[in-house]
Amino acid sequence: MAELHDLTALEQGALIRSGEISPVELTEHYLERAARLPQEYVDGAFVFRDPDTARVRAREVAAVGPVGEGASPLAGVPTAIKDLNLTKGVPTAFGSPAFAGYVPEISDGVTLAIEDAGLISLGKTSTPEFGSPCYTEPEGRPPAVTPWDTTRMAGGSSGGAAAVVAAGLVPVAQGSDGGGSIRIPAACCGLVGLKPSRGRISGFPMYGDPIGLAVAGPLARTVADAAALLDVMAGRRAGDPSWAPEPSGTFLAATGREPGRLRIGCFDEPVIADTEIDPEVRRAYDETTRLLSSLGHVVEDIPVPLPRAAVADFETCWAVLTGLSTVGLAPEQEATLRPLTRWLGERGAAISGPAFGLAIGALRRHAAEALVALAPYDIVLTPTVATPPPLVGALRDDADPAADFEAQKRYTPWTSAWNVTGMPAISLPLHQTSAGLPIGMMLAARPAEEELLLSLAAQLETALPWRDRRPPLW
């Protein structure tokens, strides 16, 4: 017989609406599950758990009950908040010992939207220092690992969020993505991970990314669950510097529509680094192109839409953003920073204001040229990452941060392209290696066309289902 955590988030929400279970019962189920699973795994996924507050919140949601026709179908469902997101009254360290003990007095827009929809946070999920690396190995804590093989990484920077969903510790979770930080963990953990369009989700109140690379998004086991969480988080606030147009309906409704016959451009040539693609990833990519063709879509090989010259401009912006995270730290805080953060921060601090402005302008021109080149295509397909999940520590190199950074680029040669263009992109767990490790394939759509992207993703999920795959740690 299926247990509650075997059900999708939407199925759990439906049980709450029907009265078959209560938010309190469901919350207790997940709290008990976290106590039963190996604690090193749980502690690598969560940086902070607060069962008492979760129970209080569950009772509050249960007392209100279903609210109106527009209520979220995820109301009463447990989730978790990434350690990069401000959460009022809850320790939020941004993955860094430099902020140990920091408790925000406000919540950001993503946290508020999740709370307003009636979801129940069980705690904060792990992230690397300031969300910079593509692995989640924060100082002084166990790493976030994939439940498919706990010697291998869960990816980053939303590695904790992916680890909690993939092991059934919560059914859905939010992440954030400035260069692949939702899609990389999704690929490592066998999940659906969606980076929405630039401006789809508000960065209120900090608006900490002046370049527009980063956006929040959902991690889930199914496309429909991801769409439902996107419905919760999406929406603009009056002060937002950019915003995506309103969808025609809900994103969840889009998963029930046929996408029609699409023109799909495909490439597997690395964008940001010269790297070898694992043969099993290349096989999965080829199988995905054949699957898309079998579904009636027009599939065409296309050249890489971004020039290699864009990489240097992206790195300039990335270094400055990392440097901004360290501005104003006291000397004792700076002393706790890991070598990669210090190296990137120093690199960013050495960039002049004019050089930074020129890099932003160049990056926007590269993005414009790519968007024009891709305009004839409804969807673009690439692999998500170059290899199956690496072993913990395989990318990290504290003795040589520059080598660490290059290793990350070789592992993730495609994801940051869609942060540059602002296009929505989704990683789908369509395939597995011969050893049973997940392989993600990435689809991107034109800006603000999440509905079409989700419609195609749902079609692929129906054609090649993954819902019943269970990792060894389940």
Protein backbone atom coordinates (compact mmCIF):
# COMPACT_ATOMS: atom_id res chain seq x y z
CA MET A 1 0.00 0.00 0.00
CA ALA A 2 1.28 3.47 -0.89
CA GLU A 3 2.38 5.71 1.94
CA LEU A 4 1.59 9.41 2.03
CA HIS A 5 5.03 10.43 0.77
CA ASP A 6 4.58 8.13 -2.26
CA LEU A 7 1.78 10.43 -3.44
CA THR A 8 2.40 13.54 -5.49
CA ALA A 9 2.06 16.94 -3.87
CA LEU A 10 -1.19 17.50 -5.77
CA GLU A 11 -2.58 14.16 -4.60
CA GLN A 12 -1.70 15.07 -1.03
CA GLY A 13 -3.41 18.44 -1.45
CA ALA A 14 -6.51 16.70 -2.81
CA LEU A 15 -6.67 14.46 0.25
CA ILE A 16 -6.55 17.54 2.46
CA ARG A 17 -9.37 19.23 0.52
CA SER A 18 -11.51 16.10 0.72
CA GLY A 19 -10.97 15.85 4.48
CA GLU A 20 -9.35 12.41 4.27
CA ILE A 21 -6.26 13.76 5.99
CA SER A 22 -5.44 17.02 7.74
CA PRO A 23 -2.40 19.28 7.34
CA VAL A 24 -1.46 18.26 10.89
CA GLU A 25 -1.43 14.55 10.01
CA LEU A 26 0.55 15.17 6.84
CA THR A 27 3.08 17.36 8.64
CA GLU A 28 3.54 14.71 11.34
CA HIS A 29 4.10 12.09 8.65
CA TYR A 30 6.97 14.07 7.17
CA LEU A 31 8.46 14.95 10.54
CA GLU A 32 8.47 11.28 11.49
CA ARG A 33 9.97 10.37 8.12
CA ALA A 34 12.85 12.81 8.66
CA ALA A 35 13.51 11.12 12.01
CA ARG A 36 13.61 7.67 10.37
CA LEU A 37 15.94 8.35 7.43
CA PRO A 38 19.73 8.37 7.91
CA GLN A 39 20.47 11.54 9.86
CA GLU A 40 23.62 12.38 7.90
CA TYR A 41 21.48 12.53 4.75
CA VAL A 42 18.80 14.62 6.46
CA ASP A 43 21.37 16.98 8.00
CA GLY A 44 22.99 17.42 4.59
CA ALA A 45 19.65 18.35 3.06
CA PHE A 46 18.28 20.56 5.85
CA VAL A 47 20.40 23.19 7.60
CA PHE A 48 17.61 24.00 10.04
CA ARG A 49 14.53 22.05 11.10
CA ASP A 50 11.80 23.46 13.32
CA PRO A 51 9.18 20.79 14.04
CA ASP A 52 7.36 22.83 16.68
CA THR A 53 6.83 25.82 14.39
CA ALA A 54 5.74 23.47 11.58
CA ARG A 55 3.13 21.89 13.87
CA VAL A 56 1.79 25.30 14.89
CA ARG A 57 1.60 26.35 11.26
CA ALA A 58 -0.18 23.10 10.30
CA ARG A 59 -2.82 23.69 12.97
CA GLU A 60 -3.33 27.25 11.69
CA VAL A 61 -3.79 26.04 8.11
CA ALA A 62 -6.14 23.27 9.25
CA ALA A 63 -8.25 25.78 11.18
CA VAL A 64 -8.71 27.97 8.10
CA GLY A 65 -9.54 25.05 5.80
CA PRO A 66 -10.01 25.35 2.01
CA VAL A 67 -10.40 29.00 1.06
CA GLY A 68 -12.37 29.80 -2.06
CA GLU A 69 -12.09 28.80 -5.66
CA GLY A 70 -8.67 30.41 -6.10
CA ALA A 71 -7.01 28.57 -3.25
CA SER A 72 -3.80 26.74 -4.10
CA PRO A 73 -4.21 22.99 -4.62
CA LEU A 74 -1.04 22.71 -2.53
CA ALA A 75 -2.58 24.30 0.59
CA GLY A 76 -1.63 22.27 3.65
CA VAL A 77 1.22 20.47 1.89
CA PRO A 78 4.67 20.48 3.57
CA THR A 79 7.63 22.12 1.87
CA ALA A 80 10.92 23.82 2.79
CA ILE A 81 12.64 27.15 2.09
CA LYS A 82 16.15 27.52 0.68
CA ASP A 83 18.75 28.97 3.04
CA LEU A 84 19.28 31.89 0.62
CA ASN A 85 15.71 33.13 1.14
CA LEU A 86 14.90 35.52 3.96
CA THR A 87 12.50 33.91 6.44
CA LYS A 88 11.28 36.02 9.33
CA GLY A 89 12.27 34.63 12.72
CA VAL A 90 14.09 31.63 11.21
CA PRO A 91 17.90 31.29 11.09
CA THR A 92 19.09 32.12 7.58
CA ALA A 93 22.86 31.86 7.03
CA PHE A 94 23.06 32.00 3.21
CA GLY A 95 25.15 28.83 3.36
CA SER A 96 27.99 30.64 5.11
CA PRO A 97 29.52 30.50 8.60
CA ALA A 98 29.95 34.26 8.21
CA PHE A 99 26.20 34.59 8.88
CA ALA A 100 25.85 31.91 11.54
CA GLY A 101 23.13 32.90 13.97
CA TYR A 102 21.57 35.54 11.70
CA VAL A 103 17.78 35.67 12.05
CA PRO A 104 15.97 37.97 9.58
CA GLU A 105 13.26 40.34 10.76
CA ILE A 106 11.41 40.06 7.42
CA SER A 107 10.56 37.41 4.85
CA ASP A 108 11.19 37.84 1.15
CA GLY A 109 8.54 37.66 -1.56
CA VAL A 110 9.10 33.97 -2.31
CA THR A 111 8.74 32.96 1.34
CA LEU A 112 5.65 35.14 1.75
CA ALA A 113 4.01 33.68 -1.36
CA ILE A 114 4.59 30.12 -0.15
CA GLU A 115 3.21 30.94 3.29
CA ASP A 116 0.21 32.82 1.87
CA ALA A 117 -0.69 29.80 -0.25
CA GLY A 118 -0.96 27.64 2.86
CA LEU A 119 2.12 25.48 2.41
CA ILE A 120 3.90 24.44 5.60
CA SER A 121 7.67 24.87 5.80
CA LEU A 122 9.53 22.21 7.77
CA GLY A 123 12.77 24.20 7.74
CA LYS A 124 15.58 25.62 5.64
CA THR A 125 17.34 23.62 2.91
CA SER A 126 21.08 23.53 2.46
CA THR A 127 22.94 25.69 -0.03
CA PRO A 128 26.65 26.35 -0.62
CA GLU A 129 28.17 29.63 0.48
CA PHE A 130 26.09 32.46 -1.02
CA GLY A 131 24.70 29.99 -3.58
CA SER A 132 27.77 30.26 -5.78
CA PRO A 133 29.03 26.69 -6.52
CA CYS A 134 27.15 23.98 -8.42
CA TYR A 135 27.70 21.57 -5.53
CA THR A 136 26.31 21.83 -1.99
CA GLU A 137 29.12 21.21 0.48
CA PRO A 138 28.79 23.99 3.08
CA GLU A 139 31.42 24.40 5.77
CA GLY A 140 30.89 22.41 8.96
CA ARG A 141 27.97 20.34 7.66
CA PRO A 142 27.43 17.08 5.79
CA PRO A 143 27.15 17.58 2.02
CA ALA A 144 23.81 17.39 0.25
CA VAL A 145 23.85 14.11 -1.67
CA THR A 146 21.59 12.38 -4.15
CA PRO A 147 19.43 9.56 -2.75
CA TRP A 148 20.26 7.53 -5.85
CA ASP A 149 23.83 7.10 -4.56
CA THR A 150 24.72 8.86 -1.33
CA THR A 151 28.42 8.98 -2.25
CA ARG A 152 27.48 11.41 -5.03
CA MET A 153 26.52 15.05 -4.86
CA ALA A 154 23.01 16.49 -5.04
CA GLY A 155 24.24 19.42 -7.14
CA GLY A 156 23.95 23.08 -6.29
CA SER A 157 23.17 25.60 -5.33
CA SER A 158 19.67 24.24 -4.54
CA GLY A 159 21.17 20.90 -3.53
CA GLY A 160 19.38 20.72 -0.20
CA ALA A 161 16.02 21.46 -1.82
CA ALA A 162 16.56 18.70 -4.38
CA ALA A 163 17.75 16.25 -1.72
CA VAL A 164 14.66 16.73 0.46
CA VAL A 165 12.26 16.25 -2.46
CA ALA A 166 14.10 13.33 -4.04
CA ALA A 167 14.14 11.36 -0.78
CA GLY A 168 10.49 12.07 0.04
CA LEU A 169 11.22 14.41 2.95
CA VAL A 170 8.82 16.96 1.42
CA PRO A 171 6.86 16.64 -1.84
CA VAL A 172 7.93 19.98 -3.39
CA ALA A 173 10.46 22.70 -2.61
CA GLN A 174 11.59 26.02 -3.98
CA GLY A 175 15.05 26.71 -5.23
CA SER A 176 16.80 29.58 -6.98
CA ASP A 177 18.83 29.61 -10.16
CA GLY A 178 21.47 32.13 -11.31
CA GLY A 179 23.50 29.79 -13.50
CA GLY A 180 21.74 26.44 -13.27
CA SER A 181 21.18 26.13 -9.53
CA ILE A 182 17.71 24.52 -9.86
CA ARG A 183 18.31 22.46 -12.99
CA ILE A 184 21.68 21.00 -11.93
CA PRO A 185 20.30 19.53 -8.65
CA ALA A 186 17.24 18.30 -10.54
CA ALA A 187 19.50 16.38 -12.90
CA CYS A 188 21.55 14.95 -10.01
CA CYS A 189 18.49 13.89 -8.02
CA GLY A 190 16.09 12.66 -10.73
CA LEU A 191 13.62 15.55 -10.41
CA VAL A 192 11.79 18.15 -12.43
CA GLY A 193 13.53 21.51 -11.96
CA LEU A 194 12.20 24.68 -13.58
CA LYS A 195 13.99 28.02 -13.94
CA PRO A 196 11.23 30.48 -14.90
CA SER A 197 11.57 33.50 -17.17
CA ARG A 198 13.30 36.61 -15.95
CA GLY A 199 10.72 38.68 -14.05
CA ARG A 200 8.28 35.80 -13.51
CA ILE A 201 8.90 35.73 -9.74
CA SER A 202 9.56 38.81 -7.66
CA GLY A 203 12.93 39.41 -6.01
CA PHE A 204 11.26 41.57 -3.32
CA PRO A 205 12.52 43.14 -1.11
CA MET A 206 16.28 42.82 -1.64
CA TYR A 207 16.50 42.70 -5.45
CA GLY A 208 20.04 41.46 -4.93
CA ASP A 209 20.85 40.56 -8.55
CA PRO A 210 21.20 43.77 -10.61
CA ILE A 211 22.07 41.77 -13.72
CA GLY A 212 18.91 39.65 -13.90
CA LEU A 213 20.53 36.21 -13.96
CA ALA A 214 18.80 34.71 -10.93
CA VAL A 215 15.20 33.71 -10.36
CA ALA A 216 13.38 31.40 -7.94
CA GLY A 217 11.64 28.27 -9.18
CA PRO A 218 10.22 24.86 -8.23
CA LEU A 219 11.72 21.41 -7.69
CA ALA A 220 9.28 18.50 -7.78
CA ARG A 221 8.85 14.87 -8.72
CA THR A 222 6.28 15.56 -11.46
CA VAL A 223 5.70 18.29 -14.01
CA ALA A 224 2.24 19.04 -12.60
CA ASP A 225 3.61 19.47 -9.07
CA ALA A 226 6.26 21.85 -10.38
CA ALA A 227 3.63 23.83 -12.26
CA ALA A 228 1.44 24.09 -9.17
CA LEU A 229 4.34 25.44 -7.11
CA LEU A 230 5.16 27.90 -9.90
CA ASP A 231 1.57 29.14 -9.66
CA VAL A 232 2.19 29.78 -5.96
CA MET A 233 5.42 31.73 -6.44
CA ALA A 234 4.70 33.60 -9.66
CA GLY A 235 3.57 37.20 -9.70
CA ARG A 236 5.02 40.67 -9.64
CA ARG A 237 5.18 43.34 -6.99
CA ALA A 238 4.89 47.06 -7.54
CA GLY A 239 8.62 47.71 -7.14
CA ASP A 240 9.93 44.97 -9.41
CA PRO A 241 12.44 46.17 -12.03
CA SER A 242 11.18 43.67 -14.61
CA TRP A 243 8.27 41.30 -14.95
CA ALA A 244 6.90 38.64 -17.26
CA PRO A 245 3.41 39.01 -18.73
CA GLU A 246 0.57 37.21 -17.01
CA PRO A 247 -0.09 33.66 -18.27
CA SER A 248 -3.31 32.81 -20.06
CA GLY A 249 -4.43 30.71 -17.08
CA THR A 250 -2.70 28.69 -14.41
CA PHE A 251 0.57 26.97 -15.13
CA LEU A 252 -0.97 23.79 -13.75
CA ALA A 253 -3.70 23.97 -16.40
CA ALA A 254 -1.00 24.17 -19.08
CA THR A 255 0.21 20.69 -18.14
CA GLY A 256 -3.14 19.29 -19.27
CA ARG A 257 -2.95 20.80 -22.75
CA GLU A 258 -1.41 19.27 -25.85
CA PRO A 259 1.55 21.37 -27.01
CA GLY A 260 0.79 20.94 -30.70
CA ARG A 261 3.44 20.27 -33.33
CA LEU A 262 6.56 22.20 -32.34
CA ARG A 263 9.77 23.19 -34.05
CA ILE A 264 12.57 22.13 -31.73
CA GLY A 265 16.20 23.14 -32.10
CA CYS A 266 18.80 20.80 -30.57
CA PHE A 267 22.49 21.04 -29.79
CA ASP A 268 24.84 19.20 -27.45
CA GLU A 269 28.02 21.17 -28.13
CA PRO A 270 29.19 22.71 -24.84
CA VAL A 271 28.59 26.45 -24.53
CA ILE A 272 30.91 27.71 -21.79
CA ALA A 273 33.78 25.19 -21.67
CA ASP A 274 35.52 22.55 -23.74
CA THR A 275 34.54 19.31 -22.08
CA GLU A 276 33.92 15.66 -22.73
CA ILE A 277 30.28 14.57 -22.59
CA ASP A 278 29.69 11.27 -20.84
CA PRO A 279 28.65 8.61 -23.40
CA GLU A 280 25.51 7.78 -21.42
CA VAL A 281 24.48 11.45 -21.40
CA ARG A 282 25.01 11.63 -25.15
CA ARG A 283 22.96 8.45 -25.59
CA ALA A 284 20.16 9.95 -23.50
CA TYR A 285 20.28 13.13 -25.59
CA ASP A 286 20.01 11.13 -28.82
CA GLU A 287 17.11 9.11 -27.41
CA THR A 288 15.34 12.33 -26.43
CA THR A 289 15.62 13.76 -29.94
CA ARG A 290 14.12 10.54 -31.30
CA LEU A 291 11.32 10.65 -28.73
CA LEU A 292 10.46 14.23 -29.67
CA SER A 293 10.37 13.25 -33.35
CA SER A 294 8.14 10.26 -32.59
CA LEU A 295 5.69 12.64 -30.88
CA GLY A 296 5.34 14.56 -34.14
CA HIS A 297 7.65 17.48 -33.49
CA VAL A 298 10.09 18.86 -36.05
CA VAL A 299 13.56 18.36 -34.58
CA GLU A 300 16.56 20.18 -36.08
CA ASP A 301 20.22 20.40 -35.16
CA ILE A 302 21.24 24.02 -34.61
CA PRO A 303 24.52 25.80 -33.83
CA VAL A 304 25.34 27.05 -30.34
CA PRO A 305 23.47 30.39 -30.05
CA LEU A 306 25.93 32.11 -27.69
CA PRO A 307 29.54 32.89 -28.68
CA ARG A 308 32.38 31.77 -26.44
CA ALA A 309 33.16 35.47 -25.95
CA ALA A 310 30.06 35.65 -23.72
CA VAL A 311 31.77 33.45 -21.13
CA ALA A 312 34.24 36.13 -20.04
CA ASP A 313 31.43 38.68 -19.67
CA PHE A 314 29.37 36.21 -17.63
CA GLU A 315 32.34 35.45 -15.38
CA THR A 316 32.92 39.16 -14.78
CA CYS A 317 29.31 39.57 -13.68
CA TRP A 318 29.39 36.38 -11.57
CA ALA A 319 32.54 37.51 -9.77
CA VAL A 320 31.04 40.92 -8.98
CA LEU A 321 27.83 39.31 -7.68
CA THR A 322 29.88 37.06 -5.39
CA GLY A 323 31.89 40.06 -4.27
CA LEU A 324 28.69 41.91 -3.39
CA SER A 325 27.82 39.09 -0.98
CA THR A 326 30.98 39.77 0.99
CA VAL A 327 30.78 43.58 1.14
CA GLY A 328 30.67 44.92 4.69
CA LEU A 329 31.75 41.72 6.41
CA ALA A 330 33.80 42.15 9.56
CA PRO A 331 37.35 40.72 9.48
CA GLU A 332 36.31 37.79 11.67
CA GLN A 333 33.51 37.00 9.20
CA GLU A 334 35.83 37.26 6.20
CA ALA A 335 38.17 34.79 7.88
CA THR A 336 35.43 32.12 7.71
CA LEU A 337 34.87 32.41 3.95
CA ARG A 338 35.82 29.37 1.93
CA PRO A 339 38.63 29.72 -0.64
CA LEU A 340 36.35 29.76 -3.69
CA THR A 341 34.23 32.58 -2.26
CA ARG A 342 37.31 34.58 -1.31
CA TRP A 343 38.88 34.05 -4.75
CA LEU A 344 35.71 35.08 -6.61
CA GLY A 345 35.13 38.01 -4.26
CA GLU A 346 38.65 39.31 -4.76
CA ARG A 347 38.27 38.89 -8.49
CA GLY A 348 35.02 40.84 -8.38
CA ALA A 349 36.46 43.60 -6.19
CA ALA A 350 39.24 44.14 -8.72
CA ILE A 351 36.73 44.90 -11.49
CA SER A 352 36.11 48.61 -11.96
CA GLY A 353 32.66 50.14 -12.22
CA PRO A 354 33.06 50.93 -15.94
CA ALA A 355 34.34 47.41 -16.64
CA PHE A 356 31.34 45.93 -14.83
CA GLY A 357 28.95 48.15 -16.78
CA LEU A 358 30.59 47.18 -20.07
CA ALA A 359 30.28 43.48 -19.16
CA ILE A 360 26.56 43.86 -18.39
CA GLY A 361 26.02 45.64 -21.71
CA ALA A 362 27.98 42.99 -23.60
CA LEU A 363 26.05 40.20 -21.89
CA ARG A 364 22.77 41.81 -22.90
CA ARG A 365 23.93 42.08 -26.51
CA HIS A 366 24.96 38.42 -26.49
CA ALA A 367 21.53 37.57 -25.09
CA ALA A 368 19.77 39.62 -27.77
CA GLU A 369 21.69 37.92 -30.55
CA ALA A 370 20.89 34.49 -29.11
CA LEU A 371 17.19 35.32 -28.77
CA VAL A 372 17.06 36.44 -32.40
CA ALA A 373 18.85 33.27 -33.54
CA LEU A 374 16.47 31.09 -31.54
CA ALA A 375 13.27 32.97 -32.40
CA PRO A 376 12.25 30.50 -35.15
CA TYR A 377 12.21 27.65 -32.62
CA ASP A 378 9.48 26.93 -30.10
CA ILE A 379 11.80 24.89 -27.89
CA VAL A 380 15.54 24.25 -27.55
CA LEU A 381 16.91 20.93 -26.29
CA THR A 382 20.32 20.25 -24.69
CA PRO A 383 21.54 17.90 -21.98
CA THR A 384 21.32 19.45 -18.51
CA VAL A 385 24.84 18.53 -17.35
CA ALA A 386 27.79 16.75 -18.97
CA THR A 387 28.02 13.69 -16.70
CA PRO A 388 25.98 11.72 -14.17
CA PRO A 389 26.25 13.06 -10.58
CA PRO A 390 29.93 13.32 -9.58
CA LEU A 391 31.27 11.95 -6.32
CA VAL A 392 31.14 14.32 -3.36
CA GLY A 393 34.26 16.49 -3.45
CA ALA A 394 35.09 15.71 -7.08
CA LEU A 395 34.61 19.32 -8.21
CA ARG A 396 35.66 21.16 -5.07
CA ASP A 397 39.30 22.22 -4.84
CA ASP A 398 40.02 24.48 -1.88
CA ALA A 399 43.74 24.46 -2.70
CA ASP A 400 43.10 25.86 -6.19
CA PRO A 401 39.84 27.83 -6.45
CA ALA A 402 40.50 28.64 -10.11
CA ALA A 403 40.64 24.92 -10.89
CA ASP A 404 37.46 24.44 -8.83
CA PHE A 405 35.68 27.07 -10.94
CA GLU A 406 36.88 25.49 -14.20
CA ALA A 407 35.71 22.04 -13.06
CA GLN A 408 32.26 23.47 -12.39
CA LYS A 409 32.16 24.98 -15.88
CA ARG A 410 33.09 21.65 -17.46
CA TYR A 411 30.34 19.88 -15.53
CA THR A 412 27.67 22.50 -16.39
CA PRO A 413 28.44 23.71 -19.91
CA TRP A 414 24.84 24.54 -20.90
CA THR A 415 22.72 25.74 -17.97
CA SER A 416 23.96 29.34 -17.61
CA ALA A 417 23.11 30.15 -21.24
CA TRP A 418 19.42 30.44 -20.34
CA ASN A 419 20.18 32.67 -17.34
CA VAL A 420 21.91 35.02 -19.78
CA THR A 421 18.96 35.07 -22.19
CA GLY A 422 16.30 35.06 -19.45
CA MET A 423 14.45 32.18 -21.13
CA PRO A 424 12.52 29.64 -19.04
CA ALA A 425 14.24 26.25 -18.89
CA ILE A 426 13.32 22.93 -17.33
CA SER A 427 15.34 19.80 -16.53
CA LEU A 428 13.43 16.54 -16.84
CA PRO A 429 14.55 13.15 -15.42
CA LEU A 430 13.88 11.34 -18.69
CA HIS A 431 16.72 8.82 -18.53
CA GLN A 432 19.00 6.81 -16.26
CA THR A 433 22.48 5.37 -16.61
CA SER A 434 23.08 1.63 -16.77
CA ALA A 435 23.90 1.88 -13.05
CA GLY A 436 20.56 3.56 -12.29
CA LEU A 437 21.76 7.14 -11.82
CA PRO A 438 19.48 9.92 -13.12
CA ILE A 439 20.22 11.79 -16.34
CA GLY A 440 18.47 15.10 -16.93
CA MET A 441 17.53 16.61 -20.28
CA MET A 442 16.95 20.36 -20.53
CA LEU A 443 14.29 22.16 -22.56
CA ALA A 444 14.13 25.94 -22.96
CA ALA A 445 11.39 28.12 -24.44
CA ARG A 446 11.06 31.69 -25.60
CA PRO A 447 10.85 34.28 -22.80
CA ALA A 448 7.56 34.12 -20.88
CA GLU A 449 6.45 30.90 -22.60
CA GLU A 450 6.44 28.67 -19.51
CA GLU A 451 2.98 27.40 -20.45
CA LEU A 452 4.23 25.88 -23.70
CA LEU A 453 7.33 24.54 -21.95
CA LEU A 454 5.23 22.85 -19.26
CA SER A 455 2.82 21.47 -21.84
CA LEU A 456 5.65 19.78 -23.73
CA ALA A 457 7.26 18.59 -20.49
CA ALA A 458 3.99 16.96 -19.47
CA GLN A 459 3.74 15.29 -22.88
CA LEU A 460 7.22 13.83 -22.45
CA GLU A 461 6.37 12.67 -18.93
CA THR A 462 3.37 10.78 -20.31
CA ALA A 463 5.44 9.25 -23.11
CA LEU A 464 8.32 8.20 -20.85
CA PRO A 465 7.01 8.15 -17.26
CA TRP A 466 9.39 8.46 -14.33
CA ARG A 467 7.00 8.86 -11.39
CA ASP A 468 7.31 5.29 -10.14
CA ARG A 469 11.11 5.29 -10.09
CA ARG A 470 12.28 5.23 -6.50
CA PRO A 471 15.85 5.89 -5.33
CA PRO A 472 17.46 3.34 -3.00
CA LEU A 473 17.06 5.85 -0.16
CA TRP A 474 13.27 6.22 -0.11
